[in-house]
Amino acid sequence: MKVALVGYGKMGKIIERIAKERGHQIVSIIDIDNQQDFEIGRAHV
């Protein structure tokens, strides 16, 4: 299964570890520290 994590704090890291142990693939991690990577079409006024 392909998994996207929203939030990468204590619980997000645990979910990532368990998912990988069970053979799942982490395809995206969205967190406050990388939110600029996911902003779309922000107007510069």
Protein backbone atom coordinates (compact mmCIF):
# COMPACT_ATOMS: atom_id res chain seq x y z
CA MET A 1 0.00 0.00 0.00
CA LYS A 2 1.18 3.53 -0.70
CA VAL A 3 0.85 5.79 2.35
CA ALA A 4 0.96 9.58 2.70
CA LEU A 5 1.60 10.88 6.21
CA VAL A 6 0.08 14.20 7.26
CA GLY A 7 1.98 15.28 10.34
CA TYR A 8 5.39 13.90 11.22
CA GLY A 9 5.59 14.19 14.96
CA LYS A 10 5.87 11.35 17.44
CA MET A 11 2.84 9.46 16.08
CA GLY A 12 3.75 10.06 12.43
CA LYS A 13 7.20 8.52 12.98
CA ILE A 14 5.66 5.48 14.70
CA ILE A 15 3.16 5.01 11.87
CA GLU A 16 5.99 5.26 9.33
CA ARG A 17 8.01 2.59 11.14
CA ILE A 18 5.05 0.19 11.44
CA ALA A 19 3.98 0.75 7.83
CA LYS A 20 7.49 -0.02 6.55
CA GLU A 21 7.72 -3.12 8.76
CA ARG A 22 4.50 -4.36 7.14
CA GLY A 23 5.81 -3.77 3.62
CA HIS A 24 4.03 -0.50 2.83
CA GLN A 25 5.62 2.39 0.95
CA ILE A 26 5.66 5.96 2.33
CA VAL A 27 5.13 8.16 -0.73
CA SER A 28 4.75 11.55 0.94
CA ILE A 29 5.26 13.21 4.30
CA ILE A 30 3.44 16.51 4.79
CA ASP A 31 4.43 18.48 7.87
CA ILE A 32 4.68 22.05 9.12
CA ASP A 33 8.41 21.97 8.35
CA ASN A 34 7.91 21.29 4.63
CA GLN A 35 4.58 22.97 3.90
CA GLN A 36 6.16 25.23 1.25
CA ASP A 37 6.66 22.11 -0.89
CA PHE A 38 2.88 21.71 -1.10
CA GLU A 39 1.65 25.28 -1.60
CA ILE A 40 -0.03 25.76 -4.97
CA GLY A 41 -0.72 28.96 -6.87
CA ARG A 42 -0.03 31.46 -4.14
CA ALA A 43 -0.48 34.97 -5.59
CA HIS A 44 2.26 37.52 -5.04
CA VAL A 45 0.43 40.76 -4.33
